[in-house]
Protein backbone atom coordinates (compact mmCIF):
# COMPACT_ATOMS: atom_id res chain seq x y z
CA MET A 1 -15.44 -0.85 9.78
CA ASN A 2 -16.90 -2.77 12.83
CA GLN A 3 -14.58 -5.15 14.56
CA ILE A 4 -15.79 -8.69 15.91
CA GLU A 5 -13.92 -11.22 17.78
CA ILE A 6 -13.02 -14.24 16.03
CA GLY A 7 -14.57 -17.24 17.85
CA THR A 8 -13.06 -17.05 21.47
CA SER A 9 -9.46 -16.37 20.24
CA GLY A 10 -9.50 -12.67 21.58
CA VAL A 11 -8.45 -11.28 18.11
CA CYS A 12 -10.75 -8.63 17.05
CA ALA A 13 -10.90 -8.09 13.09
CA SER A 14 -13.03 -6.44 10.56
CA GLU A 15 -16.35 -7.80 10.29
CA VAL A 16 -15.73 -8.18 6.56
CA SER A 17 -12.72 -10.16 5.23
CA LEU A 18 -11.19 -9.95 1.67
CA GLY A 19 -11.29 -13.31 0.16
CA CYS A 20 -8.12 -13.63 -2.18
CA MET A 21 -9.00 -16.55 -4.51
CA ARG A 22 -9.10 -14.38 -7.54
CA ILE A 23 -6.36 -12.19 -7.05
CA GLY A 24 -3.66 -14.58 -8.99
CA GLY A 25 -4.35 -13.20 -12.57
CA LEU A 26 -4.61 -9.09 -11.48
CA GLU A 27 -1.72 -7.01 -12.81
CA PRO A 28 0.37 -5.76 -9.78
CA SER A 29 -1.04 -2.19 -10.03
CA ALA A 30 -4.74 -3.54 -9.72
CA LEU A 31 -3.84 -5.68 -6.74
CA ASP A 32 -1.95 -2.92 -5.19
CA ASN A 33 -4.95 -0.67 -5.47
CA LEU A 34 -7.46 -3.26 -4.52
CA LEU A 35 -5.30 -3.73 -1.06
CA THR A 36 -4.86 -0.34 -0.51
CA THR A 37 -8.70 0.27 -0.84
CA ALA A 38 -9.38 -2.48 1.42
CA LEU A 39 -6.89 -1.40 4.31
CA ASP A 40 -7.88 2.17 3.83
CA ALA A 41 -11.53 1.10 4.23
CA GLY A 42 -10.58 -0.69 7.51
CA ILE A 43 -10.42 -4.53 6.36
CA ASN A 44 -7.53 -5.94 8.15
CA PHE A 45 -8.66 -9.87 7.62
CA TYR A 46 -7.41 -11.62 4.24
CA ASP A 47 -8.56 -15.13 3.45
CA HIS A 48 -6.57 -17.60 1.49
CA ALA A 49 -6.22 -21.34 0.77
CA ASP A 50 -3.14 -23.04 -0.42
CA ILE A 51 -5.28 -24.13 -3.73
CA TYR A 52 -6.14 -20.65 -4.63
CA GLY A 53 -4.43 -20.26 -7.93
CA ALA A 54 -2.28 -23.11 -6.98
CA GLY A 55 -0.67 -21.06 -4.42
CA LYS A 56 -0.06 -18.32 -6.72
CA CYS A 57 -2.68 -16.13 -4.98
CA GLU A 58 -0.65 -16.26 -1.77
CA GLU A 59 2.71 -15.22 -3.61
CA VAL A 60 1.32 -12.20 -5.34
CA PHE A 61 -0.41 -11.21 -2.15
CA ALA A 62 2.82 -11.33 -0.33
CA GLU A 63 4.62 -9.33 -3.23
CA SER A 64 2.06 -6.69 -2.92
CA THR A 65 2.05 -6.39 0.58
CA LYS A 66 6.15 -6.02 0.35
CA ARG A 67 5.57 -3.31 -2.71
CA LEU A 68 3.20 -1.34 -0.49
CA GLY A 69 5.23 -1.64 2.71
CA ILE A 70 2.57 -2.86 4.83
CA PRO A 71 3.58 -4.02 8.24
CA ARG A 72 2.76 -7.84 9.24
CA ASP A 73 1.41 -6.69 12.62
CA GLN A 74 -1.34 -4.63 10.46
CA LEU A 75 -2.49 -7.82 8.63
CA ILE A 76 -4.45 -10.87 10.07
CA LEU A 77 -3.75 -13.88 7.57
CA GLN A 78 -5.99 -16.97 7.23
CA SER A 79 -5.29 -19.96 4.99
CA LYS A 80 -6.87 -23.23 4.30
CA CYS A 81 -5.47 -26.60 3.78
CA GLY A 82 -6.75 -30.06 3.06
CA ILE A 83 -8.21 -30.15 -0.57
CA ARG A 84 -5.89 -32.09 -2.97
CA LYS A 85 -6.65 -33.20 -6.58
CA GLY A 86 -9.61 -35.67 -6.36
CA TYR A 87 -9.58 -36.32 -2.78
CA TYR A 88 -9.27 -34.56 0.70
CA ASP A 89 -6.43 -35.15 3.17
CA PHE A 90 -6.15 -34.20 6.73
CA SER A 91 -3.15 -36.42 7.62
CA LYS A 92 -0.59 -34.97 9.94
CA GLN A 93 2.10 -34.96 7.26
CA HIS A 94 -0.09 -33.25 4.72
CA ILE A 95 -1.42 -30.43 7.01
CA LEU A 96 2.29 -29.62 8.09
CA THR A 97 3.64 -29.63 4.68
CA SER A 98 0.75 -27.39 3.69
CA VAL A 99 1.45 -25.01 6.21
CA ASP A 100 5.16 -24.69 5.32
CA GLY A 101 4.24 -24.06 1.89
CA ILE A 102 1.66 -21.37 2.80
CA LEU A 103 4.10 -19.48 5.08
CA GLY A 104 6.74 -19.48 2.21
CA ARG A 105 4.33 -18.30 -0.31
CA LEU A 106 3.00 -15.37 2.14
CA GLN A 107 6.64 -14.79 3.22
CA THR A 108 5.57 -14.54 6.78
CA ASP A 109 6.76 -16.76 9.90
CA TYR A 110 3.10 -17.29 11.02
CA ILE A 111 -0.43 -17.27 10.10
CA ASP A 112 -3.07 -16.21 12.43
CA TYR A 113 -5.75 -18.72 11.43
CA LEU A 114 -5.38 -22.30 9.73
CA LEU A 115 -8.76 -23.56 8.41
CA LEU A 116 -9.13 -27.30 7.38
CA HIS A 117 -10.92 -26.55 3.99
CA ARG A 118 -13.56 -29.26 3.43
CA PRO A 119 -14.14 -32.55 5.48
CA ASP A 120 -12.22 -35.50 4.89
CA ALA A 121 -14.27 -38.69 5.44
CA LEU A 122 -11.04 -40.32 6.32
CA VAL A 123 -9.97 -38.03 8.95
CA GLU A 124 -8.34 -39.45 12.07
CA PRO A 125 -8.96 -36.54 14.77
CA GLU A 126 -5.92 -37.61 16.94
CA GLU A 127 -3.72 -37.01 13.87
CA VAL A 128 -5.09 -33.70 13.09
CA ALA A 129 -4.57 -33.00 16.99
CA ASP A 130 -0.99 -33.94 16.66
CA ALA A 131 -0.59 -31.66 13.72
CA PHE A 132 -2.17 -28.55 15.45
CA GLU A 133 -0.12 -29.01 18.48
CA HIS A 134 2.88 -28.97 16.62
CA LEU A 135 2.25 -25.98 14.51
CA SER A 136 0.87 -24.14 17.61
CA SER A 137 4.09 -24.93 19.54
CA LEU A 138 6.22 -23.87 16.96
CA GLY A 139 4.49 -20.66 16.47
CA LYS A 140 3.52 -21.11 12.72
CA VAL A 141 -0.40 -21.15 13.49
CA ARG A 142 -1.76 -18.96 16.23
CA HIS A 143 -5.56 -20.31 15.85
CA PHE A 144 -7.51 -22.81 14.25
CA GLY A 145 -10.80 -23.22 12.39
CA VAL A 146 -12.73 -25.38 9.99
CA SER A 147 -14.56 -24.89 6.65
CA ASN A 148 -17.96 -26.38 5.65
CA PHE A 149 -18.21 -28.53 8.54
CA THR A 150 -21.20 -30.11 10.24
CA PRO A 151 -21.62 -29.78 14.08
CA GLY A 152 -21.05 -33.53 14.18
CA GLN A 153 -17.84 -33.27 12.22
CA ILE A 154 -16.71 -30.46 14.64
CA ASP A 155 -17.33 -32.28 17.57
CA LEU A 156 -15.70 -35.25 16.29
CA LEU A 157 -12.69 -33.32 15.89
CA ARG A 158 -12.88 -31.38 19.18
CA SER A 159 -13.00 -34.49 20.77
CA ALA A 160 -9.12 -35.02 20.30
CA LEU A 161 -8.20 -31.34 20.08
CA ASP A 162 -6.58 -29.55 23.02
CA VAL A 163 -7.12 -26.02 21.00
CA PRO A 164 -10.30 -24.47 20.16
CA ILE A 165 -12.18 -23.98 16.77
CA HIS A 166 -12.67 -20.35 16.33
CA ALA A 167 -14.15 -20.24 12.93
CA ASN A 168 -16.35 -22.25 10.29
CA GLN A 169 -16.56 -20.95 6.80
CA LEU A 170 -19.79 -21.80 5.16
CA GLN A 171 -21.64 -20.79 2.23
CA LEU A 172 -24.33 -18.06 2.70
CA SER A 173 -25.99 -15.32 0.72
CA ILE A 174 -29.45 -14.07 0.13
CA MET A 175 -29.87 -16.84 -2.44
CA ASN A 176 -28.34 -19.51 -0.27
CA THR A 177 -29.93 -19.48 3.03
CA GLY A 178 -30.14 -23.13 3.94
CA MET A 179 -28.68 -22.73 7.42
CA ILE A 180 -31.35 -20.26 8.21
CA ASP A 181 -34.40 -21.94 6.49
CA ARG A 182 -34.56 -24.70 8.52
CA GLY A 183 -35.03 -22.80 11.66
CA ILE A 184 -37.73 -20.69 10.27
CA SER A 185 -39.56 -23.63 8.81
CA ALA A 186 -39.06 -25.70 11.51
CA ASN A 187 -42.01 -28.19 12.42
CA THR A 188 -43.81 -27.61 9.04
CA GLN A 189 -43.87 -29.99 5.90
CA PHE A 190 -42.19 -27.13 3.76
CA PRO A 191 -39.05 -28.13 1.93
CA ASN A 192 -37.15 -25.65 3.56
CA ALA A 193 -37.56 -27.54 6.93
CA ILE A 194 -35.12 -30.16 5.84
CA ASP A 195 -32.08 -29.95 7.84
CA HIS A 196 -29.01 -30.43 5.57
CA ASP A 197 -26.23 -29.24 7.96
CA GLY A 198 -27.12 -30.40 11.48
CA GLY A 199 -28.27 -27.12 12.65
CA ILE A 200 -24.83 -25.54 11.99
CA LEU A 201 -25.90 -21.80 12.55
CA ASP A 202 -27.44 -22.50 15.97
CA TYR A 203 -24.36 -24.95 17.03
CA CYS A 204 -22.00 -21.99 16.28
CA ARG A 205 -23.77 -19.36 17.90
CA LEU A 206 -24.12 -21.79 20.94
CA ASN A 207 -20.20 -22.75 20.90
CA ARG A 208 -18.88 -19.16 19.98
CA ILE A 209 -17.48 -20.15 16.65
CA THR A 210 -17.50 -17.44 14.14
CA ILE A 211 -19.37 -18.21 10.90
CA GLN A 212 -17.35 -16.73 7.87
CA PRO A 213 -20.12 -16.68 4.88
CA TRP A 214 -18.38 -17.31 1.53
CA SER A 215 -19.87 -16.44 -1.90
CA PRO A 216 -22.30 -13.87 -0.46
CA PHE A 217 -23.29 -12.85 -4.03
CA GLN A 218 -23.67 -16.15 -5.62
CA PHE A 219 -26.77 -18.27 -6.26
CA GLY A 220 -26.53 -22.14 -6.60
CA PHE A 221 -22.77 -23.52 -6.54
CA PHE A 222 -21.00 -20.77 -8.37
CA GLU A 223 -23.70 -20.23 -10.91
CA GLY A 224 -23.42 -16.49 -10.84
CA VAL A 225 -24.08 -13.36 -9.06
CA PHE A 226 -27.71 -12.77 -8.24
CA VAL A 227 -27.44 -8.77 -8.19
CA ASP A 228 -28.88 -7.45 -11.24
CA HIS A 229 -29.22 -11.11 -12.82
CA PRO A 230 -32.56 -11.11 -15.16
CA LYS A 231 -33.26 -14.16 -13.45
CA PHE A 232 -34.36 -12.63 -10.10
CA PRO A 233 -36.43 -9.51 -10.97
CA GLU A 234 -38.43 -9.43 -7.69
CA LEU A 235 -35.46 -10.02 -5.51
CA ASN A 236 -33.69 -6.96 -7.44
CA GLU A 237 -36.71 -4.79 -7.18
CA VAL A 238 -36.72 -5.25 -3.42
CA LEU A 239 -33.02 -4.88 -3.15
CA GLY A 240 -33.02 -1.66 -5.14
CA ARG A 241 -35.78 -0.03 -3.34
CA ILE A 242 -34.41 -1.01 0.15
CA ALA A 243 -31.08 0.01 -0.82
CA GLY A 244 -32.27 3.49 -1.83
CA GLU A 245 -33.87 3.80 1.60
CA TYR A 246 -30.57 3.32 3.38
CA ASP A 247 -28.46 5.36 0.59
CA VAL A 248 -26.45 2.23 -0.10
CA THR A 249 -25.93 -0.10 -3.21
CA LYS A 250 -27.66 -3.55 -3.94
CA THR A 251 -24.27 -4.98 -3.48
CA GLY A 252 -23.80 -3.31 -0.21
CA LEU A 253 -27.20 -4.46 1.04
CA ALA A 254 -26.48 -7.94 0.38
CA ILE A 255 -23.68 -7.86 2.74
CA ALA A 256 -25.69 -5.78 5.30
CA TRP A 257 -28.58 -8.51 5.09
CA ILE A 258 -25.91 -10.98 6.24
CA GLN A 259 -24.10 -8.77 8.81
CA ARG A 260 -27.76 -8.02 10.32
CA HIS A 261 -27.92 -11.65 11.66
CA PRO A 262 -27.17 -11.49 15.43
CA ALA A 263 -24.68 -14.52 15.03
CA LYS A 264 -22.16 -11.90 14.26
CA MET A 265 -20.72 -13.22 11.13
CA GLN A 266 -17.51 -12.24 9.19
CA THR A 267 -18.40 -12.36 5.80
CA VAL A 268 -15.65 -13.10 3.20
CA ILE A 269 -15.78 -11.18 -0.15
CA GLY A 270 -14.16 -12.51 -2.97
CA THR A 271 -14.33 -9.28 -5.29
CA THR A 272 -11.38 -7.95 -7.00
CA ASN A 273 -13.00 -4.64 -7.79
CA PRO A 274 -12.12 -1.72 -5.51
CA GLN A 275 -15.51 0.14 -5.97
CA ARG A 276 -17.21 -3.02 -5.07
CA VAL A 277 -15.23 -3.11 -1.62
CA ARG A 278 -16.11 0.56 -1.14
CA GLU A 279 -19.89 -0.34 -1.51
CA VAL A 280 -19.58 -3.11 0.72
CA VAL A 281 -17.96 -1.33 3.58
CA ASP A 282 -20.22 1.58 3.11
CA ALA A 283 -23.25 -0.71 3.91
CA CYS A 284 -21.69 -1.92 7.04
CA ARG A 285 -22.64 1.29 8.80
CA ILE A 286 -26.34 0.37 8.44
CA THR A 287 -28.47 -1.94 10.42
CA LEU A 288 -31.59 -3.35 8.42
CA SER A 289 -34.78 -3.47 10.16
CA ARG A 290 -36.38 -6.65 10.99
CA GLU A 291 -39.19 -5.89 8.50
CA HIS A 292 -36.66 -4.96 5.76
CA TRP A 293 -34.61 -8.22 6.53
CA TYR A 294 -37.58 -10.58 6.21
CA GLU A 295 -38.71 -8.77 2.89
CA VAL A 296 -35.59 -9.55 1.49
CA TYR A 297 -35.64 -12.99 2.72
CA ARG A 298 -39.19 -13.54 1.17
CA ALA A 299 -38.32 -11.78 -2.08
CA ALA A 300 -35.67 -14.47 -2.62
CA GLY A 301 -38.41 -17.11 -2.81
CA ASN A 302 -38.71 -18.01 0.65
CA VAL A 303 -41.63 -18.70 2.58
CA ILE A 304 -42.63 -17.62 6.03
CA PRO A 305 -44.77 -20.21 7.67
């Protein structure tokens, strides 16, 4: 498994992260098998959030690592906070309370990365800065990031912060390419030229903020998986043919397509299927040609000007 630096943190981690949103309902043996498979494949970065399973996902993860005897220093743990029922909350008190809950459920003294989960319209950057400084001084959080933020929102936050923003978790898949589309279709009247996110892809590259793509197999907003979906016959034909040329699966190719981008992203896979983990990790050994990358992009219904 290739290693990449997360932002400018100096921490090198697996270029694929295992997302833990769906592990709350797994049987202990199934979860142990999933984590063992991921670790054996070289995945050392695990993504959580305080809302996943209402906290249960963090709890069962900790229980599994204890059963398996996995040392804490072999794991890079990330969690997110800020989403509450019906609203978002970046108040200092909520951030501090959330982190204490995360640490308790994960049975650890610190997490490596804390991300603010979705932008809070009522954010007060100075209050977030106070929370981050407090958490950092106590050693509870080592590094910080955001999720689903635009460049302007990151700049607003950074105006008060004394710590860097190292990561931005954003939705990206072959069927969700908005952050790529606007660059390719720039200076045209094509719908893909509309900028929905303020040029976040280029912004993160320029500022050395690692993009962590989420839902890499999904189309729409959690509408389903596009691999082998009858709604996308052309895409799946192209994925199958190109996957065969590289001796990987279509699932693996979907990740290799993201990892081919020079932004050096860290894709978050939310699968609970150990075989799918193996397919993804196996595909990380390949580098798609420029021709194949664009062929997949066009097969997803995108137009090249």
